[in-house]
Amino acid sequence: MHLVIIGNGITGVTCALTVRRLRPEARITLVSSESTHHYSRTALMYVYMGHMRPQDIKPYEDWFWTENRLELVHATATALDTADRYVTLDNGTTLPYTHLLLATGSESKRFGWPGENLAGVQGLYNLNDLAAITRDTHGISRGVVVGGGLIGVELAEMLHTRGIEPVVLVREAYYWSAVLPPAEGNLVDRQFAENHVLVRYGTEMREILGDDQGRVRAVVTTAGEEIACQWVGLAIGVAPNLGLAKPSGIETDRGVLVDEFLRTSAPQVYAAGDCAQHRQPAAGQVPVEQLWYTGRMQGETVAHTICGQDTAYRRGIWFNSAKFFNLEYQTYGQAPAKAEAGVESLYWEHPSARVALRVYYRAEAPHAVLGFNAMGLRLRHAVCEQWIAQQVPIAAVMAEFGRANFDPEFFTQHEKAMVAAYNIQFPTQPIALKRRKGLFSMNR
C-alpha cells in the first residue's frame, strides 16, 4: 500500500496516523503546499494576538514524522490521473499511489465585490492569511470586518487587541442569526459593546475603494455610506477546495461527492473533511461539514475503509463550541435558531447577561431533551450527549443539571436559578434540585 494524502490538516494527519496503526507496513505520503508541517488552524488568532508563538501551534515535534515513517512533501498537487493512479506536483515530479485521500480543505469565499482584490483585503483560513494580516494591519487605525459568523468575531477581537478600531458589517438583524436565537445573539452583541466594537446590523458592503498604491482606503455600503479603513477582513464563509478534484473528472457538486464510506466516484480515491460532500447525509447531518472535530472524525473513519475495514461515517450527536471575546459558547444536539414544529425550549439568563442556558425539548410529554445552548457555562460533553441520546425528560435533566456542570471550582453555580426558571415554565410539574456540582453550593 502507498497512501498519498493531499493536505496535512487535521483530516489528513488523523487518517495518516490511523492507517499507520492499522497497517504498520504501509507507505504514507502527505502533500501540502501550505506548510512543511501540520499545525492547529483554530489557533491562528492566538498567534496574531501574541498569546502563542508560531511553534506553539504545532501539535507534533519535527522528529515525530520520521519516527512514524510519514513522508512530508512540501509541494502543490497540480493534476490527478485516476486511471493510471498518480498525482503530478508543481516541482515536476509525480507520485504514484495505490490509495489516495483528498483532504484539501476549504477556501475563503469571495463574492466578486469591486475592489476585493486590493491589497489589505483577505479572509482568515491558513498560515498565508496570518502572515498577510500581520503585515497589512501594522500601524493602521481601522479595519472593517464583513460577515457575522465565528471568523468575524475572531477578526474583530484580533484587531481590538492591537488597538485597531474594528467596524463589523452584518447584513442580518442580529449576530449569527442563522445559528443563534435572538436572546443568545443579544449576549454576543453585549460582548461587542463592552469591548467597544462597533457592529452595524442590517448593513451590507457594496464595494471596496483603493488608493493610488492599490491599497484599501474605504468600503462603501449598499446604503451608499463610505467608511474609511485601511484593511478589510472577509468573514463570509468558506467553500470546499475543488482545485485538484474537479479537473480530474471526479464527481463534484459544492464539494467532492462521497458515499457513506467517504469513497469518491474514482476507484481507490477518497475525500474527507472540509472538501467532502455527502451524497446522502445521515439523519441530522448536513452534506458539507466544515468543523475541526468532524474533520478529525472523518479522517479516522476513512482510514479504516482504506485499510479494508469498511466503516460508514456517522457523526453522531452534533456539538460545537466557540468564544465571543469573553463569552464561551457550547451547543449540543438539535438547537434551532428559529421556532420549529414540535420543538420547544426553556431559556434562563443571569441578570449580568454573561451567563445563559437554553434547553430544547420535545413539545409532547414527557418532553425529552433535544439539545442545549450554553453561554458562559462549561458543560460536560458526555453528559449532554447521554441525555440527548437516551431521550431523558427535561424534568429529570434540570433536577440533575449539576452532573453537566464543568465550570472551574469556586465559579458561581446557577443550577438553583435554572430549576426556578423550569418551575415557572412548568408550574403544574415543579421539581427540586437534586444534584449540584462539587462539594459546595454557591448559588447566587
Protein backbone atom coordinates (compact mmCIF):
# COMPACT_ATOMS: atom_id res chain seq x y z
CA MET A 1 0.00 0.00 0.00
CA HIS A 2 1.11 3.52 -0.83
CA LEU A 3 -1.37 6.01 0.59
CA VAL A 4 -0.98 9.54 -0.73
CA ILE A 5 -2.84 12.23 1.21
CA ILE A 6 -3.34 15.66 -0.33
CA GLY A 7 -3.49 18.01 2.64
CA ASN A 8 -1.82 17.96 6.05
CA GLY A 9 -4.64 19.42 8.13
CA ILE A 10 -6.47 17.62 10.93
CA THR A 11 -8.28 15.27 8.49
CA GLY A 12 -5.20 14.19 6.56
CA VAL A 13 -2.98 13.78 9.61
CA THR A 14 -5.63 11.85 11.55
CA CYS A 15 -6.04 9.49 8.60
CA ALA A 16 -2.27 9.02 8.32
CA LEU A 17 -1.85 8.20 11.99
CA THR A 18 -4.78 5.79 11.99
CA VAL A 19 -3.51 3.97 8.88
CA ARG A 20 -0.06 3.75 10.45
CA ARG A 21 -1.62 2.00 13.44
CA LEU A 22 -3.77 -0.34 11.33
CA ARG A 23 -1.20 -1.08 8.61
CA PRO A 24 2.33 -0.65 10.07
CA GLU A 25 3.95 -1.65 6.78
CA ALA A 26 2.14 0.92 4.62
CA ARG A 27 3.94 3.76 2.88
CA ILE A 28 2.23 7.07 3.69
CA THR A 29 2.95 10.39 1.98
CA LEU A 30 1.33 13.71 2.90
CA VAL A 31 1.45 16.52 0.33
CA SER A 32 0.84 20.15 1.26
CA SER A 33 1.79 23.44 -0.37
CA GLU A 34 0.76 25.49 2.64
CA SER A 35 3.34 24.41 5.19
CA THR A 36 6.04 21.84 5.83
CA HIS A 37 4.29 20.71 9.00
CA HIS A 38 0.86 20.16 10.50
CA TYR A 39 -0.47 22.98 12.67
CA SER A 40 -3.60 23.84 14.61
CA ARG A 41 -5.67 26.01 12.28
CA THR A 42 -8.03 27.11 15.05
CA ALA A 43 -5.13 28.71 16.96
CA LEU A 44 -4.08 31.19 14.26
CA MET A 45 -5.80 34.10 16.01
CA TYR A 46 -3.82 33.50 19.20
CA VAL A 47 -0.53 33.81 17.34
CA TYR A 48 -1.62 37.16 15.94
CA MET A 49 -2.69 38.36 19.39
CA GLY A 50 0.63 37.30 20.92
CA HIS A 51 -0.84 34.63 23.20
CA MET A 52 1.07 31.88 21.39
CA ARG A 53 4.21 31.61 19.29
CA PRO A 54 4.13 30.04 15.80
CA GLN A 55 5.93 26.94 17.11
CA ASP A 56 3.28 26.56 19.84
CA ILE A 57 0.56 25.66 17.33
CA LYS A 58 2.47 22.63 16.02
CA PRO A 59 0.89 19.62 17.80
CA TYR A 60 3.86 17.39 16.91
CA GLU A 61 7.60 17.96 17.12
CA ASP A 62 9.63 17.79 13.90
CA TRP A 63 11.07 14.37 14.80
CA PHE A 64 7.55 12.91 15.02
CA TRP A 65 7.15 12.44 11.26
CA THR A 66 10.33 10.48 10.74
CA GLU A 67 9.70 8.45 13.88
CA ASN A 68 6.31 7.37 12.47
CA ARG A 69 7.59 6.94 8.91
CA LEU A 70 5.32 9.64 7.49
CA GLU A 71 6.72 11.32 4.41
CA LEU A 72 6.04 15.06 4.17
CA VAL A 73 6.19 16.65 0.71
CA HIS A 74 6.05 20.46 0.54
CA ALA A 75 4.55 20.99 -2.92
CA THR A 76 1.34 21.74 -4.77
CA ALA A 77 -0.58 18.89 -6.38
CA THR A 78 -1.42 20.26 -9.82
CA ALA A 79 -3.04 17.30 -11.57
CA LEU A 80 -4.55 13.92 -10.78
CA ASP A 81 -4.70 10.91 -13.10
CA THR A 82 -7.23 8.50 -11.61
CA ALA A 83 -6.83 5.94 -14.42
CA ASP A 84 -3.08 5.41 -14.01
CA ARG A 85 -3.18 6.44 -10.34
CA TYR A 86 -0.63 9.17 -9.93
CA VAL A 87 -0.51 12.79 -8.79
CA THR A 88 1.55 15.46 -10.55
CA LEU A 89 3.32 18.04 -8.36
CA ASP A 90 4.45 21.57 -9.20
CA ASN A 91 8.08 20.57 -8.64
CA GLY A 92 7.93 18.44 -11.78
CA THR A 93 7.66 15.07 -10.03
CA THR A 94 4.84 12.55 -9.94
CA LEU A 95 3.61 10.45 -7.04
CA PRO A 96 2.09 7.05 -7.82
CA TYR A 97 -0.47 5.75 -5.34
CA THR A 98 -2.48 2.68 -4.56
CA HIS A 99 -4.90 4.70 -2.41
CA LEU A 100 -5.48 8.46 -2.45
CA LEU A 101 -7.19 10.71 0.10
CA LEU A 102 -8.30 14.19 -0.89
CA ALA A 103 -8.19 16.29 2.26
CA THR A 104 -7.78 19.62 0.52
CA GLY A 105 -9.88 21.62 2.98
CA SER A 106 -11.60 24.90 2.18
CA GLU A 107 -11.00 28.26 0.55
CA SER A 108 -12.24 31.62 1.82
CA LYS A 109 -15.25 32.83 -0.16
CA ARG A 110 -15.24 35.98 -2.27
CA PHE A 111 -18.42 37.40 -3.79
CA GLY A 112 -16.97 39.45 -6.63
CA TRP A 113 -17.23 42.85 -4.96
CA PRO A 114 -15.46 45.65 -6.84
CA GLY A 115 -12.08 46.18 -5.18
CA GLU A 116 -11.93 42.84 -3.36
CA ASN A 117 -8.50 42.12 -4.86
CA LEU A 118 -6.92 45.27 -3.44
CA ALA A 119 -4.01 44.94 -1.03
CA GLY A 120 -5.32 44.62 2.51
CA VAL A 121 -8.43 42.54 1.66
CA GLN A 122 -8.42 38.96 2.92
CA GLY A 123 -10.03 36.11 4.82
CA LEU A 124 -8.55 34.09 7.69
CA TYR A 125 -8.04 30.40 7.00
CA ASN A 126 -4.37 29.50 6.71
CA LEU A 127 -0.80 30.49 7.53
CA ASN A 128 -0.57 32.74 4.49
CA ASP A 129 -3.61 34.63 5.76
CA LEU A 130 -1.97 35.00 9.17
CA ALA A 131 1.17 36.41 7.55
CA ALA A 132 -0.90 38.81 5.45
CA ILE A 133 -2.95 40.20 8.34
CA THR A 134 0.18 40.59 10.45
CA ARG A 135 1.82 42.57 7.66
CA ASP A 136 -1.14 44.61 6.42
CA THR A 137 -2.57 45.70 9.79
CA HIS A 138 0.74 47.02 11.10
CA GLY A 139 0.32 50.67 12.00
CA ILE A 140 -3.28 51.03 10.78
CA SER A 141 -6.09 52.69 12.73
CA ARG A 142 -9.27 50.99 11.47
CA GLY A 143 -10.29 47.72 9.88
CA VAL A 144 -13.69 46.68 8.53
CA VAL A 145 -14.88 43.10 9.05
CA VAL A 146 -17.59 41.85 6.69
CA GLY A 147 -19.71 38.97 7.97
CA GLY A 148 -21.48 37.77 11.08
CA GLY A 149 -20.07 34.33 11.90
CA LEU A 150 -17.34 32.91 14.10
CA ILE A 151 -14.47 34.19 11.93
CA GLY A 152 -15.99 37.67 12.08
CA VAL A 153 -15.76 37.67 15.87
CA GLU A 154 -12.19 36.38 15.73
CA LEU A 155 -11.09 39.09 13.31
CA ALA A 156 -12.74 41.82 15.39
CA GLU A 157 -11.07 40.57 18.56
CA MET A 158 -7.71 40.30 16.80
CA LEU A 159 -7.84 43.92 15.66
CA HIS A 160 -9.10 45.07 19.05
CA THR A 161 -6.14 43.54 20.89
CA ARG A 162 -3.74 45.61 18.75
CA GLY A 163 -5.53 48.88 19.36
CA ILE A 164 -7.08 48.91 15.88
CA GLU A 165 -10.70 50.06 15.67
CA PRO A 166 -12.88 47.28 14.21
CA VAL A 167 -16.13 48.04 12.40
CA VAL A 168 -18.20 44.91 11.75
CA LEU A 169 -20.82 44.81 8.98
CA VAL A 170 -23.59 42.25 9.47
CA ARG A 171 -26.43 42.01 6.98
CA GLU A 172 -28.72 40.20 9.44
CA ALA A 173 -30.75 41.85 12.21
CA TYR A 174 -28.54 40.39 14.94
CA TYR A 175 -25.32 38.43 15.22
CA TRP A 176 -25.17 34.92 13.75
CA SER A 177 -28.93 34.80 13.32
CA ALA A 178 -28.74 31.60 11.27
CA VAL A 179 -27.46 29.74 14.34
CA LEU A 180 -28.41 31.66 17.50
CA PRO A 181 -31.87 32.64 18.76
CA PRO A 182 -32.29 36.39 19.39
CA ALA A 183 -31.63 36.16 23.16
CA GLU A 184 -28.26 34.45 22.68
CA GLY A 185 -27.44 36.84 19.84
CA ASN A 186 -28.07 39.73 22.23
CA LEU A 187 -25.48 38.32 24.65
CA VAL A 188 -22.92 38.29 21.86
CA ASP A 189 -23.84 41.86 20.95
CA ARG A 190 -23.21 42.91 24.56
CA GLN A 191 -19.70 41.49 24.27
CA PHE A 192 -19.09 43.72 21.28
CA ALA A 193 -20.44 46.73 23.17
CA GLU A 194 -18.38 46.03 26.30
CA ASN A 195 -15.24 45.81 24.16
CA HIS A 196 -16.13 49.00 22.24
CA VAL A 197 -16.52 47.22 18.91
CA LEU A 198 -18.97 48.89 16.54
CA VAL A 199 -21.31 46.43 14.79
CA ARG A 200 -23.54 47.70 12.00
CA TYR A 201 -26.52 45.35 11.70
CA GLY A 202 -28.64 45.26 8.57
CA THR A 203 -25.65 46.55 6.63
CA GLU A 204 -24.04 45.07 3.51
CA MET A 205 -20.93 46.04 1.60
CA ARG A 206 -21.25 47.24 -2.00
CA GLU A 207 -17.63 47.89 -2.96
CA ILE A 208 -14.11 48.46 -1.67
CA LEU A 209 -12.23 51.63 -2.62
CA GLY A 210 -8.48 51.79 -3.12
CA ASP A 211 -5.80 54.48 -3.01
CA ASP A 212 -3.14 55.35 -5.57
CA GLN A 213 -0.93 52.48 -4.34
CA GLY A 214 -3.65 49.85 -4.84
CA ARG A 215 -4.38 49.52 -1.15
CA VAL A 216 -7.72 49.68 0.67
CA ARG A 217 -8.82 53.16 1.75
CA ALA A 218 -12.56 52.67 2.39
CA VAL A 219 -15.63 50.49 1.92
CA VAL A 220 -18.99 51.62 0.59
CA THR A 221 -22.19 50.05 1.95
CA THR A 222 -25.31 49.28 -0.08
CA ALA A 223 -26.86 52.35 1.58
CA GLY A 224 -24.14 54.49 -0.03
CA GLU A 225 -22.22 55.22 3.17
CA GLU A 226 -18.43 55.38 2.86
CA ILE A 227 -16.44 54.01 5.81
CA ALA A 228 -12.75 54.89 5.83
CA CYS A 229 -10.42 51.97 6.69
CA GLN A 230 -7.02 50.53 5.84
CA TRP A 231 -7.86 46.84 5.94
CA VAL A 232 -10.89 44.63 5.17
CA GLY A 233 -11.49 41.17 6.61
CA LEU A 234 -13.87 38.90 4.72
CA ALA A 235 -15.73 36.57 7.09
CA ILE A 236 -18.44 35.40 4.70
CA GLY A 237 -17.71 31.70 4.93
CA VAL A 238 -15.59 29.13 3.13
CA ALA A 239 -16.13 26.77 0.20
CA PRO A 240 -14.67 23.29 -0.42
CA ASN A 241 -11.36 23.36 -2.30
CA LEU A 242 -12.03 21.54 -5.58
CA GLY A 243 -8.92 22.71 -7.42
CA LEU A 244 -7.48 19.21 -7.79
CA ALA A 245 -10.62 17.06 -7.85
CA LYS A 246 -12.78 18.86 -10.39
CA PRO A 247 -10.36 18.88 -13.38
CA SER A 248 -9.61 15.19 -12.79
CA GLY A 249 -13.17 14.16 -13.63
CA ILE A 250 -14.11 13.09 -10.09
CA GLU A 251 -17.77 13.88 -9.45
CA THR A 252 -18.23 17.14 -7.56
CA ASP A 253 -21.05 19.45 -6.58
CA ARG A 254 -20.44 22.00 -3.82
CA GLY A 255 -17.78 19.58 -2.62
CA VAL A 256 -16.20 16.29 -3.69
CA LEU A 257 -19.12 13.86 -3.71
CA VAL A 258 -18.65 10.84 -1.43
CA ASP A 259 -20.73 7.91 -0.24
CA GLU A 260 -21.17 6.87 3.37
CA PHE A 261 -17.70 5.28 3.32
CA LEU A 262 -16.18 8.57 2.05
CA ARG A 263 -15.42 6.99 -1.35
CA THR A 264 -15.43 9.24 -4.42
CA SER A 265 -16.53 8.27 -7.92
CA ALA A 266 -12.93 7.24 -8.77
CA PRO A 267 -11.58 3.84 -7.64
CA GLN A 268 -9.38 3.93 -4.53
CA VAL A 269 -9.83 7.69 -4.22
CA TYR A 270 -11.43 9.03 -1.04
CA ALA A 271 -12.33 12.50 0.21
CA ALA A 272 -12.84 13.69 3.78
CA GLY A 273 -13.05 16.84 5.85
CA ASP A 274 -14.00 20.29 4.59
CA CYS A 275 -13.75 19.37 0.89
CA ALA A 276 -16.14 16.38 1.05
CA GLN A 277 -19.86 16.45 0.29
CA HIS A 278 -22.01 13.53 1.42
CA ARG A 279 -24.32 12.25 -1.30
CA GLN A 280 -26.85 11.02 1.24
CA PRO A 281 -26.26 12.63 4.64
CA ALA A 282 -27.39 10.60 7.61
CA ALA A 283 -30.30 11.88 9.69
CA GLY A 284 -29.38 15.13 11.38
CA GLN A 285 -26.28 15.67 9.22
CA VAL A 286 -25.62 18.24 6.53
CA PRO A 287 -23.96 17.47 3.16
CA VAL A 288 -20.81 19.54 3.84
CA GLU A 289 -19.35 19.61 7.35
CA GLN A 290 -16.59 22.15 7.90
CA LEU A 291 -15.58 21.79 11.52
CA TRP A 292 -12.36 20.68 13.20
CA TYR A 293 -13.94 17.77 15.05
CA THR A 294 -15.88 16.43 12.06
CA GLY A 295 -12.69 16.60 10.01
CA ARG A 296 -10.91 14.55 12.66
CA MET A 297 -13.73 12.00 12.80
CA GLN A 298 -13.85 11.65 9.03
CA GLY A 299 -10.08 11.20 8.87
CA GLU A 300 -10.23 8.36 11.37
CA THR A 301 -13.27 6.76 9.72
CA VAL A 302 -11.88 6.78 6.18
CA ALA A 303 -8.60 5.27 7.40
CA HIS A 304 -10.43 2.09 8.39
CA THR A 305 -12.07 1.80 4.97
CA ILE A 306 -8.75 2.43 3.22
CA CYS A 307 -7.29 -0.43 5.25
CA GLY A 308 -10.01 -2.85 4.15
CA GLN A 309 -12.29 -2.40 7.18
CA ASP A 310 -15.27 -0.70 5.52
CA THR A 311 -16.62 1.77 8.06
CA ALA A 312 -19.53 4.11 7.40
CA TYR A 313 -19.13 7.68 8.63
CA ARG A 314 -21.61 8.61 11.36
CA ARG A 315 -21.09 11.94 13.02
CA GLY A 316 -23.35 11.24 15.96
CA ILE A 317 -24.91 13.99 18.06
CA TRP A 318 -23.95 17.44 16.90
CA PHE A 319 -21.78 19.68 19.04
CA ASN A 320 -19.74 22.82 18.64
CA SER A 321 -18.00 25.43 20.78
CA ALA A 322 -16.65 28.93 20.31
CA LYS A 323 -15.70 32.06 22.19
CA PHE A 324 -17.03 35.58 21.64
CA PHE A 325 -14.44 37.79 23.33
CA ASN A 326 -15.03 36.78 26.99
CA LEU A 327 -18.19 34.75 26.40
CA GLU A 328 -17.82 30.99 25.94
CA TYR A 329 -20.40 29.13 23.86
CA GLN A 330 -21.30 25.46 23.61
CA THR A 331 -24.08 23.78 21.69
CA TYR A 332 -25.23 20.16 21.60
CA GLY A 333 -27.85 18.27 19.63
CA GLN A 334 -30.82 19.93 17.96
CA ALA A 335 -30.67 23.66 18.69
CA PRO A 336 -32.57 25.63 16.04
CA ALA A 337 -32.27 29.42 15.85
CA LYS A 338 -35.93 29.81 14.95
CA ALA A 339 -39.10 28.07 16.08
CA GLU A 340 -39.67 24.56 14.71
CA ALA A 341 -42.80 22.46 14.88
CA GLY A 342 -42.75 20.03 17.80
CA VAL A 343 -39.75 21.72 19.46
CA GLU A 344 -39.92 24.00 22.49
CA SER A 345 -37.24 25.43 24.74
CA LEU A 346 -36.56 26.57 28.28
CA TYR A 347 -34.41 29.71 28.47
CA TRP A 348 -32.68 31.08 31.56
CA GLU A 349 -30.39 34.09 31.63
CA HIS A 350 -28.41 35.56 34.53
CA PRO A 351 -29.10 39.27 35.24
CA SER A 352 -25.47 40.02 34.31
CA ALA A 353 -26.22 38.95 30.70
CA ARG A 354 -22.99 36.95 30.78
CA VAL A 355 -24.45 33.51 31.53
CA ALA A 356 -27.40 31.78 29.87
CA LEU A 357 -28.80 28.33 29.18
CA ARG A 358 -31.35 27.15 26.64
CA VAL A 359 -32.64 23.58 26.78
CA TYR A 360 -34.58 22.32 23.76
CA TYR A 361 -37.18 19.59 24.29
CA ARG A 362 -40.00 17.82 22.50
CA ALA A 363 -43.32 19.59 22.79
CA GLU A 364 -45.18 16.38 23.61
CA ALA A 365 -44.87 14.71 27.01
CA PRO A 366 -42.60 13.50 28.53
CA HIS A 367 -40.68 16.38 26.89
CA ALA A 368 -37.45 14.55 26.02
CA VAL A 369 -34.45 16.88 25.69
CA LEU A 370 -33.20 17.53 22.15
CA GLY A 371 -30.32 19.95 22.61
CA PHE A 372 -28.57 22.68 24.57
CA ASN A 373 -27.16 26.17 24.07
CA ALA A 374 -24.81 27.23 26.86
CA MET A 375 -23.43 30.76 27.06
CA GLY A 376 -20.83 31.49 29.74
CA LEU A 377 -21.20 27.93 31.06
CA ARG A 378 -18.98 24.90 30.59
CA LEU A 379 -20.95 21.69 30.21
CA ARG A 380 -19.71 18.11 30.14
CA HIS A 381 -19.94 16.80 26.59
CA ALA A 382 -20.51 13.16 27.62
CA VAL A 383 -23.37 14.04 29.98
CA CYS A 384 -25.22 16.25 27.46
CA GLU A 385 -24.76 13.65 24.73
CA GLN A 386 -26.08 10.90 27.00
CA TRP A 387 -29.19 12.88 27.95
CA ILE A 388 -29.99 13.56 24.29
CA ALA A 389 -29.27 10.01 23.12
CA GLN A 390 -31.38 8.50 25.89
CA GLN A 391 -34.23 10.99 25.38
CA VAL A 392 -34.25 11.94 29.05
CA PRO A 393 -37.22 14.18 30.02
CA ILE A 394 -36.34 17.80 30.72
CA ALA A 395 -37.62 17.50 34.30
CA ALA A 396 -35.02 14.84 35.10
CA VAL A 397 -32.31 16.78 33.29
CA MET A 398 -32.92 20.00 35.20
CA ALA A 399 -33.12 18.20 38.55
CA GLU A 400 -29.72 16.63 37.87
CA PHE A 401 -28.16 19.50 35.96
CA GLY A 402 -25.16 19.63 38.27
CA ARG A 403 -23.92 16.47 36.54
CA ALA A 404 -23.24 18.53 33.44
CA ASN A 405 -21.52 21.43 35.21
CA PHE A 406 -17.88 21.59 34.13
CA ASP A 407 -17.07 25.10 35.35
CA PRO A 408 -13.85 25.53 37.33
CA GLU A 409 -14.01 25.13 41.09
CA PHE A 410 -15.35 28.12 43.01
CA PHE A 411 -17.17 29.50 39.97
CA THR A 412 -20.71 30.61 40.77
CA GLN A 413 -23.18 27.77 40.32
CA HIS A 414 -26.54 28.54 38.77
CA GLU A 415 -28.48 25.27 38.97
CA LYS A 416 -30.89 26.59 41.59
CA ALA A 417 -31.87 29.57 39.42
CA MET A 418 -32.23 27.29 36.39
CA VAL A 419 -34.59 24.99 38.27
CA ALA A 420 -36.60 28.04 39.35
CA ALA A 421 -36.95 29.01 35.69
CA TYR A 422 -38.12 25.48 34.90
CA ASN A 423 -40.76 25.62 37.65
CA ILE A 424 -42.10 28.89 36.26
CA GLN A 425 -42.45 27.32 32.81
CA PHE A 426 -43.93 24.09 34.22
CA PRO A 427 -45.94 25.32 37.26
CA THR A 428 -48.04 22.15 37.48
CA GLN A 429 -44.98 19.87 37.49
CA PRO A 430 -42.45 21.55 39.82
CA ILE A 431 -39.16 19.84 40.56
CA ALA A 432 -36.46 20.18 43.21
CA LEU A 433 -32.74 20.38 42.52
CA LYS A 434 -31.14 17.02 43.28
CA ARG A 435 -27.59 17.45 42.04
CA ARG A 436 -25.12 20.33 42.40
CA LYS A 437 -21.59 20.39 41.13
CA GLY A 438 -18.85 19.51 43.61
CA LEU A 439 -18.99 19.70 47.39
CA PHE A 440 -20.11 23.30 47.75
CA SER A 441 -23.30 25.18 47.00
CA MET A 442 -22.57 28.60 45.58
CA ASN A 443 -25.89 29.56 44.04
CA ARG A 444 -26.34 33.27 43.81
